[in-house]
Amino acid sequence: MKQYVIDQLRESDYDQIMDYLQKHTEKTILEGIFWADLPRELYSATQLEHTGCHPHYFAINVNRKQVAFELLIRSRQIIRCSCIGYANQEQRDHIIRFADDMLRQLDIKL
């Protein structure tokens, strides 16, 4: 799995990140897993065409040591489809910006 990983979190970092993600993403039933919607303007041509697969998102996995932002763009409607795949450049940039903005807003310095 391709991911953007931020590791060596302090205990206070973990608590802040969990609070932030609970406010800005969707928590799943799995512990430490969140979904962040991909803005529609970043959808690829295939993703735009597959309206039945909308919305698309990327997953975030948090534990006490690290937070990992998956670079796989998924669909909330279906598990396998040609519109599901690794992020293109614009989508990767968005995911990394999302992570970096979160750290900046929380004043977490690594």
N, C-alpha and C. Protein backbone atom coordinates (compact mmCIF):
# COMPACT_ATOMS: atom_id res chain seq x y z
N MET A 1 0.84 -1.18 0.00
CA MET A 1 0.00 0.00 0.00
C MET A 1 0.89 1.24 0.00
N LYS A 2 0.62 2.15 -0.89
CA LYS A 2 1.33 3.42 -0.90
C LYS A 2 0.65 4.35 0.11
N GLN A 3 1.49 4.98 0.94
CA GLN A 3 0.98 5.86 1.98
C GLN A 3 1.92 7.03 2.21
N TYR A 4 1.36 8.09 2.76
CA TYR A 4 2.14 9.21 3.27
C TYR A 4 2.09 9.04 4.78
N VAL A 5 3.22 8.71 5.39
CA VAL A 5 3.25 8.34 6.81
C VAL A 5 3.99 9.39 7.62
N ILE A 6 3.40 9.76 8.74
CA ILE A 6 4.04 10.64 9.71
C ILE A 6 4.20 9.81 10.97
N ASP A 7 5.46 9.59 11.35
CA ASP A 7 5.70 8.71 12.50
C ASP A 7 6.37 9.45 13.64
N GLN A 8 6.72 8.71 14.67
CA GLN A 8 7.35 9.23 15.88
C GLN A 8 6.47 10.26 16.58
N LEU A 9 5.15 9.96 16.63
CA LEU A 9 4.22 10.86 17.31
C LEU A 9 4.43 10.79 18.82
N ARG A 10 4.25 11.93 19.45
CA ARG A 10 4.21 11.98 20.92
C ARG A 10 2.78 11.70 21.35
N GLU A 11 2.58 11.36 22.60
CA GLU A 11 1.25 11.07 23.11
C GLU A 11 0.31 12.26 22.89
N SER A 12 0.79 13.46 23.14
CA SER A 12 -0.05 14.65 22.95
C SER A 12 -0.37 14.86 21.46
N ASP A 13 0.55 14.50 20.57
CA ASP A 13 0.29 14.60 19.13
C ASP A 13 -0.87 13.69 18.75
N TYR A 14 -0.83 12.46 19.26
CA TYR A 14 -1.87 11.48 18.95
C TYR A 14 -3.24 12.02 19.38
N ASP A 15 -3.33 12.53 20.58
CA ASP A 15 -4.61 13.04 21.09
C ASP A 15 -5.13 14.18 20.23
N GLN A 16 -4.26 15.11 19.84
CA GLN A 16 -4.66 16.24 19.00
C GLN A 16 -5.10 15.77 17.62
N ILE A 17 -4.36 14.84 17.05
CA ILE A 17 -4.70 14.32 15.73
C ILE A 17 -6.06 13.62 15.76
N MET A 18 -6.29 12.82 16.78
CA MET A 18 -7.59 12.13 16.90
C MET A 18 -8.73 13.15 16.98
N ASP A 19 -8.55 14.18 17.79
CA ASP A 19 -9.59 15.22 17.90
C ASP A 19 -9.82 15.90 16.56
N TYR A 20 -8.74 16.24 15.88
CA TYR A 20 -8.84 16.91 14.58
C TYR A 20 -9.58 16.04 13.56
N LEU A 21 -9.19 14.78 13.47
CA LEU A 21 -9.81 13.89 12.49
C LEU A 21 -11.28 13.65 12.81
N GLN A 22 -11.62 13.58 14.09
CA GLN A 22 -13.03 13.39 14.45
C GLN A 22 -13.88 14.59 14.04
N LYS A 23 -13.28 15.77 13.96
CA LYS A 23 -14.00 16.98 13.56
C LYS A 23 -14.01 17.19 12.04
N HIS A 24 -12.98 16.72 11.34
CA HIS A 24 -12.82 17.06 9.93
C HIS A 24 -12.96 15.90 8.95
N THR A 25 -13.16 14.70 9.43
CA THR A 25 -13.32 13.53 8.57
C THR A 25 -14.44 12.66 9.12
N GLU A 26 -14.66 11.54 8.50
CA GLU A 26 -15.67 10.59 8.98
C GLU A 26 -14.99 9.42 9.67
N LYS A 27 -15.35 9.19 10.91
CA LYS A 27 -14.82 8.05 11.67
C LYS A 27 -15.54 6.80 11.20
N THR A 28 -14.80 5.72 11.05
CA THR A 28 -15.41 4.44 10.66
C THR A 28 -15.63 3.59 11.90
N ILE A 29 -16.19 2.41 11.71
CA ILE A 29 -16.41 1.51 12.84
C ILE A 29 -15.10 0.87 13.30
N LEU A 30 -14.07 0.95 12.48
CA LEU A 30 -12.76 0.40 12.84
C LEU A 30 -11.97 1.43 13.64
N GLU A 31 -11.39 1.01 14.72
CA GLU A 31 -10.61 1.90 15.58
C GLU A 31 -9.44 2.53 14.83
N GLY A 32 -9.37 3.85 14.88
CA GLY A 32 -8.25 4.57 14.28
C GLY A 32 -8.32 4.75 12.78
N ILE A 33 -9.44 4.39 12.15
CA ILE A 33 -9.59 4.53 10.70
C ILE A 33 -10.61 5.63 10.42
N PHE A 34 -10.21 6.57 9.55
CA PHE A 34 -11.06 7.68 9.17
C PHE A 34 -11.11 7.77 7.65
N TRP A 35 -12.18 8.36 7.13
CA TRP A 35 -12.32 8.61 5.71
C TRP A 35 -12.38 10.10 5.47
N ALA A 36 -11.62 10.58 4.52
CA ALA A 36 -11.65 11.99 4.11
C ALA A 36 -12.11 12.04 2.66
N ASP A 37 -13.18 12.76 2.42
CA ASP A 37 -13.69 12.88 1.05
C ASP A 37 -12.70 13.61 0.16
N LEU A 38 -12.57 13.11 -1.04
CA LEU A 38 -11.76 13.77 -2.05
C LEU A 38 -12.64 14.84 -2.70
N PRO A 39 -12.18 16.08 -2.80
CA PRO A 39 -13.00 17.11 -3.45
C PRO A 39 -13.33 16.71 -4.89
N ARG A 40 -14.56 16.92 -5.26
CA ARG A 40 -15.04 16.52 -6.59
C ARG A 40 -14.19 17.11 -7.71
N GLU A 41 -13.68 18.32 -7.51
CA GLU A 41 -12.87 18.95 -8.56
C GLU A 41 -11.55 18.23 -8.79
N LEU A 42 -11.20 17.31 -7.91
CA LEU A 42 -9.96 16.53 -8.07
C LEU A 42 -10.22 15.14 -8.65
N TYR A 43 -11.47 14.79 -8.88
CA TYR A 43 -11.78 13.48 -9.45
C TYR A 43 -11.14 13.37 -10.83
N SER A 44 -10.66 12.18 -11.14
CA SER A 44 -10.17 11.90 -12.49
C SER A 44 -11.35 11.82 -13.44
N ALA A 45 -11.08 11.78 -14.73
CA ALA A 45 -12.16 11.67 -15.73
C ALA A 45 -13.00 10.42 -15.48
N THR A 46 -12.35 9.31 -15.18
CA THR A 46 -13.07 8.06 -14.91
C THR A 46 -13.92 8.19 -13.65
N GLN A 47 -13.36 8.79 -12.61
CA GLN A 47 -14.13 8.96 -11.38
C GLN A 47 -15.34 9.86 -11.60
N LEU A 48 -15.19 10.89 -12.41
CA LEU A 48 -16.33 11.77 -12.72
C LEU A 48 -17.42 11.02 -13.47
N GLU A 49 -17.01 10.16 -14.40
CA GLU A 49 -17.98 9.40 -15.20
C GLU A 49 -18.75 8.39 -14.36
N HIS A 50 -18.14 7.87 -13.31
CA HIS A 50 -18.75 6.81 -12.49
C HIS A 50 -19.55 7.42 -11.35
N THR A 51 -20.64 8.09 -11.70
CA THR A 51 -21.45 8.79 -10.69
C THR A 51 -22.02 7.83 -9.64
N GLY A 52 -22.25 6.60 -10.03
CA GLY A 52 -22.76 5.61 -9.08
C GLY A 52 -21.75 5.20 -8.03
N CYS A 53 -20.49 5.55 -8.24
CA CYS A 53 -19.43 5.21 -7.30
C CYS A 53 -19.11 6.37 -6.34
N HIS A 54 -19.71 7.53 -6.57
CA HIS A 54 -19.45 8.70 -5.72
C HIS A 54 -20.00 8.47 -4.31
N PRO A 55 -19.44 9.04 -3.30
CA PRO A 55 -18.24 9.88 -3.30
C PRO A 55 -16.97 9.04 -3.21
N HIS A 56 -15.87 9.66 -3.60
CA HIS A 56 -14.55 9.03 -3.48
C HIS A 56 -13.84 9.61 -2.26
N TYR A 57 -12.96 8.82 -1.68
CA TYR A 57 -12.30 9.24 -0.45
C TYR A 57 -10.92 8.60 -0.35
N PHE A 58 -10.14 9.08 0.62
CA PHE A 58 -8.90 8.41 1.00
C PHE A 58 -8.99 8.08 2.48
N ALA A 59 -8.34 7.01 2.87
CA ALA A 59 -8.39 6.55 4.26
C ALA A 59 -7.19 7.08 5.04
N ILE A 60 -7.43 7.27 6.32
CA ILE A 60 -6.39 7.71 7.25
C ILE A 60 -6.39 6.71 8.40
N ASN A 61 -5.20 6.20 8.71
CA ASN A 61 -5.05 5.20 9.77
C ASN A 61 -4.15 5.78 10.85
N VAL A 62 -4.68 5.87 12.07
CA VAL A 62 -3.95 6.50 13.18
C VAL A 62 -3.73 5.48 14.29
N ASN A 63 -2.51 5.45 14.79
CA ASN A 63 -2.25 4.74 16.04
C ASN A 63 -1.35 5.63 16.89
N ARG A 64 -0.95 5.19 18.03
CA ARG A 64 -0.21 6.05 18.97
C ARG A 64 1.19 6.41 18.47
N LYS A 65 1.68 5.73 17.47
CA LYS A 65 3.03 5.98 16.96
C LYS A 65 3.06 6.74 15.64
N GLN A 66 1.98 6.63 14.84
CA GLN A 66 2.00 7.23 13.51
C GLN A 66 0.61 7.49 12.98
N VAL A 67 0.56 8.33 11.96
CA VAL A 67 -0.66 8.54 11.19
C VAL A 67 -0.29 8.31 9.73
N ALA A 68 -1.08 7.48 9.05
CA ALA A 68 -0.80 7.11 7.66
C ALA A 68 -1.98 7.55 6.78
N PHE A 69 -1.66 8.27 5.74
CA PHE A 69 -2.64 8.74 4.77
C PHE A 69 -2.50 7.88 3.53
N GLU A 70 -3.49 7.03 3.28
CA GLU A 70 -3.41 6.13 2.13
C GLU A 70 -3.51 6.92 0.84
N LEU A 71 -2.74 6.51 -0.14
CA LEU A 71 -2.76 7.16 -1.45
C LEU A 71 -3.67 6.42 -2.43
N LEU A 72 -4.49 5.52 -1.91
CA LEU A 72 -5.47 4.81 -2.71
C LEU A 72 -6.80 5.56 -2.63
N ILE A 73 -7.33 5.94 -3.76
CA ILE A 73 -8.62 6.62 -3.81
C ILE A 73 -9.69 5.54 -3.96
N ARG A 74 -10.60 5.54 -3.00
CA ARG A 74 -11.65 4.51 -2.94
C ARG A 74 -13.03 5.11 -3.20
N SER A 75 -13.99 4.21 -3.37
CA SER A 75 -15.39 4.59 -3.52
C SER A 75 -16.14 4.13 -2.29
N ARG A 76 -17.11 4.92 -1.86
CA ARG A 76 -17.95 4.51 -0.72
C ARG A 76 -19.04 3.54 -1.15
N GLN A 77 -19.24 3.39 -2.45
CA GLN A 77 -20.36 2.61 -2.95
C GLN A 77 -19.99 1.19 -3.39
N ILE A 78 -18.74 1.00 -3.79
CA ILE A 78 -18.35 -0.28 -4.39
C ILE A 78 -16.90 -0.56 -4.05
N ILE A 79 -16.55 -1.84 -3.98
CA ILE A 79 -15.18 -2.20 -3.59
C ILE A 79 -14.25 -2.29 -4.79
N ARG A 80 -14.74 -2.81 -5.91
CA ARG A 80 -13.89 -2.97 -7.10
C ARG A 80 -14.52 -2.25 -8.29
N CYS A 81 -13.72 -1.38 -8.88
CA CYS A 81 -14.17 -0.65 -10.06
C CYS A 81 -12.95 -0.01 -10.69
N SER A 82 -13.03 0.31 -11.96
CA SER A 82 -11.90 0.95 -12.64
C SER A 82 -11.65 2.37 -12.14
N CYS A 83 -12.60 2.96 -11.41
CA CYS A 83 -12.41 4.31 -10.89
C CYS A 83 -11.67 4.31 -9.55
N ILE A 84 -11.41 3.16 -9.01
CA ILE A 84 -10.66 3.03 -7.76
C ILE A 84 -9.21 2.74 -8.11
N GLY A 85 -8.31 3.52 -7.54
CA GLY A 85 -6.89 3.31 -7.83
C GLY A 85 -6.04 4.32 -7.09
N TYR A 86 -4.76 4.20 -7.30
CA TYR A 86 -3.84 5.12 -6.63
C TYR A 86 -4.03 6.54 -7.13
N ALA A 87 -3.82 7.47 -6.24
CA ALA A 87 -4.01 8.89 -6.52
C ALA A 87 -3.12 9.36 -7.66
N ASN A 88 -3.70 10.23 -8.49
CA ASN A 88 -2.88 10.90 -9.51
C ASN A 88 -2.10 12.03 -8.82
N GLN A 89 -1.33 12.78 -9.55
CA GLN A 89 -0.47 13.81 -8.95
C GLN A 89 -1.28 14.84 -8.16
N GLU A 90 -2.35 15.35 -8.75
CA GLU A 90 -3.16 16.35 -8.05
C GLU A 90 -3.77 15.79 -6.77
N GLN A 91 -4.24 14.55 -6.84
CA GLN A 91 -4.84 13.93 -5.67
C GLN A 91 -3.80 13.68 -4.58
N ARG A 92 -2.60 13.23 -4.98
CA ARG A 92 -1.50 13.04 -4.01
C ARG A 92 -1.15 14.36 -3.35
N ASP A 93 -1.05 15.40 -4.15
CA ASP A 93 -0.75 16.72 -3.59
C ASP A 93 -1.81 17.14 -2.57
N HIS A 94 -3.07 16.87 -2.87
CA HIS A 94 -4.15 17.21 -1.95
C HIS A 94 -4.01 16.44 -0.63
N ILE A 95 -3.74 15.16 -0.72
CA ILE A 95 -3.60 14.33 0.48
C ILE A 95 -2.44 14.82 1.34
N ILE A 96 -1.32 15.10 0.71
CA ILE A 96 -0.15 15.58 1.45
C ILE A 96 -0.42 16.96 2.05
N ARG A 97 -1.09 17.83 1.29
CA ARG A 97 -1.47 19.15 1.82
C ARG A 97 -2.41 19.00 3.01
N PHE A 98 -3.36 18.07 2.91
CA PHE A 98 -4.30 17.81 4.01
C PHE A 98 -3.51 17.45 5.27
N ALA A 99 -2.56 16.53 5.13
CA ALA A 99 -1.75 16.09 6.27
C ALA A 99 -0.90 17.23 6.82
N ASP A 100 -0.22 17.92 5.94
CA ASP A 100 0.65 19.02 6.38
C ASP A 100 -0.14 20.16 7.01
N ASP A 101 -1.30 20.48 6.44
CA ASP A 101 -2.15 21.53 7.01
C ASP A 101 -2.63 21.13 8.41
N MET A 102 -2.97 19.85 8.57
CA MET A 102 -3.39 19.37 9.89
C MET A 102 -2.28 19.58 10.91
N LEU A 103 -1.06 19.19 10.56
CA LEU A 103 0.07 19.35 11.48
C LEU A 103 0.31 20.82 11.80
N ARG A 104 0.22 21.67 10.79
CA ARG A 104 0.43 23.10 11.00
C ARG A 104 -0.65 23.68 11.91
N GLN A 105 -1.91 23.34 11.66
CA GLN A 105 -3.01 23.86 12.47
C GLN A 105 -2.90 23.39 13.92
N LEU A 106 -2.39 22.19 14.11
CA LEU A 106 -2.24 21.64 15.47
C LEU A 106 -0.91 22.04 16.11
N ASP A 107 -0.08 22.73 15.34
CA ASP A 107 1.25 23.17 15.80
C ASP A 107 2.09 21.97 16.25
N ILE A 108 2.02 20.90 15.47
CA ILE A 108 2.82 19.71 15.74
C ILE A 108 4.09 19.80 14.92
N LYS A 109 5.20 19.78 15.61
CA LYS A 109 6.50 19.86 14.95
C LYS A 109 7.22 18.53 15.12
N LEU A 110 7.63 17.96 14.01
CA LEU A 110 8.31 16.66 14.05
C LEU A 110 9.74 16.78 13.63
